[in-house]
Amino acid sequence: MIVHGGCMEIGGALCAFPALLLGTDAFDVGRHFAFQLPYFQENLMLMLVCGAIYGALRVTGAIGLLKKRMWGLALSGINCVLTLALMMFLLPAGILDGLLAGSALVLLLMGYFENRKIA
């Protein structure tokens, strides 16, 4: 959760600062990286802001998990499920999102349920 939130989401959102300072035309991100849905492609700067919010929530949930708080488990689980549901709309970046969120969700569930059997 920390790697996913810190590196991928917040790191990607930090790219917005040079784009804002130099102008989005200087970067022309859409030429090198394209989302499948035109709406997302047209609003890349807003997508970066949303990524920063997701990243902050992921890191917050991970901190809650490190402190062994139940809210951290709930927040992290919600983040993982939402990411898995929305990854289809964010191709090609959604593939890495899905791999990281899916593996984190499996680890969260393994830690929560431990060795319990289905009755």
N, C-alpha and C. Protein backbone atom coordinates (compact mmCIF):
# COMPACT_ATOMS: atom_id res chain seq x y z
N MET A 1 0.82 -1.19 0.00
CA MET A 1 0.00 0.00 0.00
C MET A 1 0.87 1.26 0.00
N ILE A 2 1.95 1.22 0.76
CA ILE A 2 2.84 2.39 0.79
C ILE A 2 3.53 2.57 -0.55
N VAL A 3 4.00 1.48 -1.13
CA VAL A 3 4.68 1.56 -2.44
C VAL A 3 3.71 2.04 -3.50
N HIS A 4 2.51 1.47 -3.51
CA HIS A 4 1.52 1.84 -4.52
C HIS A 4 1.10 3.29 -4.34
N GLY A 5 0.77 3.68 -3.12
CA GLY A 5 0.32 5.05 -2.88
C GLY A 5 1.42 6.07 -3.02
N GLY A 6 2.59 5.74 -2.49
CA GLY A 6 3.68 6.71 -2.49
C GLY A 6 4.34 6.88 -3.84
N CYS A 7 4.73 5.78 -4.44
CA CYS A 7 5.50 5.86 -5.68
C CYS A 7 4.62 6.11 -6.89
N MET A 8 3.58 5.30 -7.03
CA MET A 8 2.82 5.36 -8.27
C MET A 8 1.84 6.53 -8.29
N GLU A 9 1.03 6.66 -7.26
CA GLU A 9 -0.02 7.67 -7.29
C GLU A 9 0.52 9.07 -6.96
N ILE A 10 1.18 9.21 -5.82
CA ILE A 10 1.68 10.53 -5.43
C ILE A 10 2.83 10.95 -6.34
N GLY A 11 3.70 9.99 -6.69
CA GLY A 11 4.80 10.30 -7.61
C GLY A 11 4.30 10.79 -8.95
N GLY A 12 3.26 10.15 -9.45
CA GLY A 12 2.68 10.60 -10.72
C GLY A 12 2.05 11.97 -10.60
N ALA A 13 1.43 12.24 -9.45
CA ALA A 13 0.80 13.54 -9.26
C ALA A 13 1.84 14.65 -9.12
N LEU A 14 3.02 14.33 -8.62
CA LEU A 14 4.07 15.34 -8.52
C LEU A 14 4.53 15.82 -9.89
N CYS A 15 4.26 15.03 -10.90
CA CYS A 15 4.57 15.46 -12.27
C CYS A 15 3.71 16.63 -12.71
N ALA A 16 2.64 16.88 -11.98
CA ALA A 16 1.76 17.99 -12.34
C ALA A 16 2.43 19.34 -12.11
N PHE A 17 3.31 19.43 -11.12
CA PHE A 17 3.93 20.72 -10.82
C PHE A 17 4.78 21.26 -11.98
N PRO A 18 5.69 20.48 -12.57
CA PRO A 18 6.40 21.01 -13.73
C PRO A 18 5.48 21.31 -14.90
N ALA A 19 4.43 20.50 -15.06
CA ALA A 19 3.49 20.74 -16.15
C ALA A 19 2.75 22.05 -15.94
N LEU A 20 2.41 22.36 -14.69
CA LEU A 20 1.73 23.63 -14.42
C LEU A 20 2.66 24.82 -14.61
N LEU A 21 3.92 24.65 -14.22
CA LEU A 21 4.88 25.76 -14.34
C LEU A 21 5.27 26.03 -15.79
N LEU A 22 5.51 24.98 -16.54
CA LEU A 22 5.96 25.14 -17.93
C LEU A 22 4.83 25.11 -18.94
N GLY A 23 3.64 24.75 -18.49
CA GLY A 23 2.51 24.63 -19.40
C GLY A 23 2.40 23.21 -19.92
N THR A 24 1.19 22.76 -20.08
CA THR A 24 0.97 21.38 -20.50
C THR A 24 1.44 21.13 -21.93
N ASP A 25 1.52 22.16 -22.75
CA ASP A 25 1.97 21.97 -24.13
C ASP A 25 3.45 21.60 -24.19
N ALA A 26 4.23 22.04 -23.20
CA ALA A 26 5.65 21.72 -23.19
C ALA A 26 5.89 20.23 -22.97
N PHE A 27 5.00 19.59 -22.23
CA PHE A 27 5.16 18.17 -21.94
C PHE A 27 4.54 17.29 -23.02
N ASP A 28 3.37 17.67 -23.50
CA ASP A 28 2.63 16.90 -24.50
C ASP A 28 2.55 15.43 -24.09
N VAL A 29 2.07 15.21 -22.87
CA VAL A 29 1.99 13.86 -22.30
C VAL A 29 1.12 12.96 -23.16
N GLY A 30 0.07 13.50 -23.71
CA GLY A 30 -0.86 12.70 -24.49
C GLY A 30 -0.23 12.04 -25.70
N ARG A 31 0.88 12.56 -26.16
CA ARG A 31 1.55 11.96 -27.32
C ARG A 31 2.27 10.67 -26.93
N HIS A 32 2.76 10.59 -25.70
CA HIS A 32 3.52 9.43 -25.25
C HIS A 32 2.70 8.45 -24.42
N PHE A 33 1.62 8.92 -23.84
CA PHE A 33 0.83 8.11 -22.92
C PHE A 33 -0.63 8.42 -23.17
N ALA A 34 -1.44 7.41 -23.43
CA ALA A 34 -2.84 7.65 -23.77
C ALA A 34 -3.75 6.72 -22.98
N PHE A 35 -4.80 7.30 -22.41
CA PHE A 35 -5.85 6.50 -21.80
C PHE A 35 -6.82 6.08 -22.89
N GLN A 36 -7.54 5.00 -22.65
CA GLN A 36 -8.47 4.49 -23.65
C GLN A 36 -9.71 5.36 -23.78
N LEU A 37 -10.11 6.03 -22.72
CA LEU A 37 -11.30 6.88 -22.78
C LEU A 37 -10.90 8.32 -23.07
N PRO A 38 -11.51 8.93 -24.09
CA PRO A 38 -11.13 10.31 -24.45
C PRO A 38 -11.34 11.31 -23.32
N TYR A 39 -12.34 11.11 -22.48
CA TYR A 39 -12.59 12.05 -21.38
C TYR A 39 -11.38 12.14 -20.46
N PHE A 40 -10.80 10.99 -20.12
CA PHE A 40 -9.62 10.99 -19.26
C PHE A 40 -8.44 11.62 -19.97
N GLN A 41 -8.31 11.35 -21.26
CA GLN A 41 -7.19 11.90 -22.03
C GLN A 41 -7.26 13.42 -22.09
N GLU A 42 -8.46 13.95 -22.18
CA GLU A 42 -8.63 15.41 -22.27
C GLU A 42 -8.43 16.10 -20.93
N ASN A 43 -8.51 15.36 -19.84
CA ASN A 43 -8.41 15.94 -18.50
C ASN A 43 -7.26 15.32 -17.71
N LEU A 44 -6.09 15.27 -18.31
CA LEU A 44 -4.95 14.63 -17.65
C LEU A 44 -4.54 15.33 -16.36
N MET A 45 -4.63 16.64 -16.32
CA MET A 45 -4.25 17.35 -15.10
C MET A 45 -5.19 17.01 -13.95
N LEU A 46 -6.47 16.90 -14.23
CA LEU A 46 -7.41 16.51 -13.19
C LEU A 46 -7.18 15.07 -12.76
N MET A 47 -6.77 14.22 -13.69
CA MET A 47 -6.45 12.84 -13.35
C MET A 47 -5.25 12.78 -12.40
N LEU A 48 -4.29 13.67 -12.58
CA LEU A 48 -3.14 13.71 -11.69
C LEU A 48 -3.55 14.13 -10.28
N VAL A 49 -4.48 15.07 -10.17
CA VAL A 49 -4.97 15.49 -8.86
C VAL A 49 -5.71 14.34 -8.19
N CYS A 50 -6.55 13.64 -8.96
CA CYS A 50 -7.27 12.48 -8.40
C CYS A 50 -6.28 11.41 -7.96
N GLY A 51 -5.21 11.22 -8.71
CA GLY A 51 -4.18 10.26 -8.32
C GLY A 51 -3.52 10.62 -7.01
N ALA A 52 -3.31 11.91 -6.79
CA ALA A 52 -2.72 12.36 -5.52
C ALA A 52 -3.66 12.07 -4.35
N ILE A 53 -4.95 12.26 -4.56
CA ILE A 53 -5.93 11.97 -3.51
C ILE A 53 -5.94 10.48 -3.20
N TYR A 54 -5.98 9.64 -4.25
CA TYR A 54 -5.92 8.19 -4.04
C TYR A 54 -4.63 7.80 -3.31
N GLY A 55 -3.53 8.40 -3.72
CA GLY A 55 -2.25 8.08 -3.08
C GLY A 55 -2.23 8.45 -1.61
N ALA A 56 -2.75 9.62 -1.27
CA ALA A 56 -2.80 10.04 0.13
C ALA A 56 -3.68 9.10 0.95
N LEU A 57 -4.79 8.68 0.38
CA LEU A 57 -5.66 7.74 1.10
C LEU A 57 -4.99 6.37 1.26
N ARG A 58 -4.25 5.95 0.25
CA ARG A 58 -3.53 4.67 0.36
C ARG A 58 -2.47 4.71 1.45
N VAL A 59 -1.70 5.77 1.47
CA VAL A 59 -0.65 5.89 2.48
C VAL A 59 -1.27 6.02 3.88
N THR A 60 -2.38 6.75 3.99
CA THR A 60 -3.07 6.86 5.28
C THR A 60 -3.56 5.48 5.75
N GLY A 61 -4.15 4.71 4.85
CA GLY A 61 -4.58 3.36 5.20
C GLY A 61 -3.42 2.47 5.60
N ALA A 62 -2.29 2.61 4.90
CA ALA A 62 -1.11 1.81 5.23
C ALA A 62 -0.57 2.18 6.60
N ILE A 63 -0.60 3.45 6.94
CA ILE A 63 -0.15 3.86 8.28
C ILE A 63 -1.07 3.28 9.33
N GLY A 64 -2.38 3.27 9.07
CA GLY A 64 -3.33 2.65 9.99
C GLY A 64 -3.06 1.16 10.15
N LEU A 65 -2.68 0.49 9.06
CA LEU A 65 -2.34 -0.93 9.15
C LEU A 65 -1.08 -1.15 9.98
N LEU A 66 -0.10 -0.29 9.77
CA LEU A 66 1.14 -0.43 10.55
C LEU A 66 0.89 -0.24 12.04
N LYS A 67 -0.09 0.60 12.37
CA LYS A 67 -0.44 0.81 13.79
C LYS A 67 -1.47 -0.21 14.27
N LYS A 68 -1.79 -1.18 13.41
CA LYS A 68 -2.75 -2.25 13.73
C LYS A 68 -4.11 -1.71 14.11
N ARG A 69 -4.59 -0.76 13.32
CA ARG A 69 -5.91 -0.17 13.54
C ARG A 69 -6.89 -0.75 12.53
N MET A 70 -8.10 -0.99 12.99
CA MET A 70 -9.13 -1.57 12.13
C MET A 70 -9.54 -0.60 11.01
N TRP A 71 -9.51 0.71 11.27
CA TRP A 71 -9.86 1.66 10.23
C TRP A 71 -8.85 1.61 9.10
N GLY A 72 -7.61 1.30 9.40
CA GLY A 72 -6.59 1.16 8.36
C GLY A 72 -6.88 -0.03 7.45
N LEU A 73 -7.35 -1.13 8.06
CA LEU A 73 -7.74 -2.29 7.27
C LEU A 73 -8.93 -1.97 6.39
N ALA A 74 -9.93 -1.31 6.95
CA ALA A 74 -11.13 -0.97 6.18
C ALA A 74 -10.80 0.00 5.05
N LEU A 75 -10.03 1.04 5.33
CA LEU A 75 -9.67 2.02 4.31
C LEU A 75 -8.83 1.38 3.21
N SER A 76 -7.90 0.55 3.58
CA SER A 76 -7.06 -0.13 2.60
C SER A 76 -7.87 -1.10 1.74
N GLY A 77 -8.78 -1.83 2.37
CA GLY A 77 -9.63 -2.74 1.62
C GLY A 77 -10.52 -2.01 0.63
N ILE A 78 -11.11 -0.90 1.07
CA ILE A 78 -11.96 -0.09 0.17
C ILE A 78 -11.14 0.43 -1.00
N ASN A 79 -9.93 0.93 -0.72
CA ASN A 79 -9.07 1.43 -1.79
C ASN A 79 -8.74 0.34 -2.80
N CYS A 80 -8.43 -0.84 -2.32
CA CYS A 80 -8.08 -1.95 -3.22
C CYS A 80 -9.26 -2.35 -4.10
N VAL A 81 -10.43 -2.47 -3.49
CA VAL A 81 -11.62 -2.87 -4.25
C VAL A 81 -11.98 -1.80 -5.29
N LEU A 82 -11.93 -0.53 -4.89
CA LEU A 82 -12.22 0.54 -5.85
C LEU A 82 -11.23 0.55 -7.00
N THR A 83 -9.97 0.35 -6.69
CA THR A 83 -8.95 0.33 -7.73
C THR A 83 -9.19 -0.81 -8.70
N LEU A 84 -9.52 -1.99 -8.18
CA LEU A 84 -9.78 -3.13 -9.05
C LEU A 84 -11.01 -2.89 -9.93
N ALA A 85 -12.01 -2.19 -9.39
CA ALA A 85 -13.21 -1.89 -10.18
C ALA A 85 -12.94 -0.84 -11.26
N LEU A 86 -12.08 0.12 -10.97
CA LEU A 86 -11.84 1.23 -11.90
C LEU A 86 -10.66 1.03 -12.83
N MET A 87 -9.88 -0.03 -12.62
CA MET A 87 -8.66 -0.19 -13.42
C MET A 87 -8.96 -0.37 -14.90
N MET A 88 -10.13 -0.88 -15.25
CA MET A 88 -10.49 -1.09 -16.66
C MET A 88 -10.56 0.22 -17.43
N PHE A 89 -10.93 1.28 -16.73
CA PHE A 89 -11.11 2.57 -17.39
C PHE A 89 -9.80 3.33 -17.55
N LEU A 90 -8.74 2.87 -16.89
CA LEU A 90 -7.50 3.62 -16.88
C LEU A 90 -6.38 2.86 -17.58
N LEU A 91 -6.72 2.13 -18.61
CA LEU A 91 -5.70 1.41 -19.35
C LEU A 91 -4.79 2.39 -20.07
N PRO A 92 -3.53 2.17 -20.16
CA PRO A 92 -2.71 1.03 -19.77
C PRO A 92 -2.21 1.07 -18.33
N ALA A 93 -2.29 2.21 -17.66
CA ALA A 93 -1.78 2.30 -16.28
C ALA A 93 -2.58 1.43 -15.32
N GLY A 94 -3.81 1.14 -15.65
CA GLY A 94 -4.66 0.33 -14.80
C GLY A 94 -4.14 -1.09 -14.60
N ILE A 95 -3.33 -1.58 -15.52
CA ILE A 95 -2.78 -2.92 -15.38
C ILE A 95 -1.87 -3.00 -14.16
N LEU A 96 -0.97 -2.05 -14.03
CA LEU A 96 -0.09 -2.03 -12.85
C LEU A 96 -0.89 -1.74 -11.59
N ASP A 97 -1.86 -0.84 -11.68
CA ASP A 97 -2.74 -0.57 -10.55
C ASP A 97 -3.42 -1.84 -10.08
N GLY A 98 -3.94 -2.62 -11.02
CA GLY A 98 -4.62 -3.86 -10.68
C GLY A 98 -3.71 -4.89 -10.05
N LEU A 99 -2.50 -4.99 -10.56
CA LEU A 99 -1.54 -5.94 -9.97
C LEU A 99 -1.19 -5.57 -8.54
N LEU A 100 -0.92 -4.30 -8.30
CA LEU A 100 -0.55 -3.86 -6.96
C LEU A 100 -1.73 -3.92 -6.00
N ALA A 101 -2.90 -3.44 -6.44
CA ALA A 101 -4.08 -3.45 -5.57
C ALA A 101 -4.56 -4.87 -5.31
N GLY A 102 -4.52 -5.71 -6.33
CA GLY A 102 -4.95 -7.10 -6.15
C GLY A 102 -4.06 -7.86 -5.19
N SER A 103 -2.76 -7.69 -5.32
CA SER A 103 -1.85 -8.39 -4.40
C SER A 103 -1.98 -7.84 -2.98
N ALA A 104 -2.19 -6.53 -2.84
CA ALA A 104 -2.39 -5.94 -1.51
C ALA A 104 -3.69 -6.45 -0.89
N LEU A 105 -4.74 -6.59 -1.69
CA LEU A 105 -6.01 -7.09 -1.17
C LEU A 105 -5.88 -8.54 -0.71
N VAL A 106 -5.18 -9.36 -1.47
CA VAL A 106 -4.96 -10.75 -1.06
C VAL A 106 -4.20 -10.79 0.27
N LEU A 107 -3.17 -9.98 0.41
CA LEU A 107 -2.41 -9.96 1.66
C LEU A 107 -3.25 -9.45 2.83
N LEU A 108 -4.08 -8.44 2.58
CA LEU A 108 -4.96 -7.94 3.63
C LEU A 108 -5.93 -9.03 4.10
N LEU A 109 -6.53 -9.73 3.16
CA LEU A 109 -7.48 -10.78 3.51
C LEU A 109 -6.79 -11.95 4.21
N MET A 110 -5.59 -12.29 3.76
CA MET A 110 -4.83 -13.37 4.43
C MET A 110 -4.50 -12.97 5.86
N GLY A 111 -4.11 -11.75 6.07
CA GLY A 111 -3.79 -11.29 7.42
C GLY A 111 -5.00 -11.22 8.32
N TYR A 112 -6.15 -10.83 7.77
CA TYR A 112 -7.35 -10.68 8.58
C TYR A 112 -7.96 -12.04 8.94
N PHE A 113 -8.07 -12.92 7.96
CA PHE A 113 -8.74 -14.20 8.20
C PHE A 113 -7.81 -15.30 8.69
N GLU A 114 -6.52 -15.13 8.55
CA GLU A 114 -5.50 -16.08 9.01
C GLU A 114 -5.84 -17.51 8.61
N ASN A 115 -6.00 -18.42 9.57
CA ASN A 115 -6.21 -19.83 9.28
C ASN A 115 -7.67 -20.28 9.43
N ARG A 116 -8.60 -19.34 9.42
CA ARG A 116 -10.00 -19.72 9.59
C ARG A 116 -10.47 -20.56 8.41
N LYS A 117 -11.30 -21.52 8.71
CA LYS A 117 -11.86 -22.41 7.70
C LYS A 117 -13.30 -22.01 7.40
N ILE A 118 -13.77 -22.39 6.24
CA ILE A 118 -15.16 -22.18 5.89
C ILE A 118 -15.98 -23.24 6.62
N ALA A 119 -16.95 -22.78 7.39
CA ALA A 119 -17.73 -23.75 8.19
C ALA A 119 -18.88 -24.33 7.39
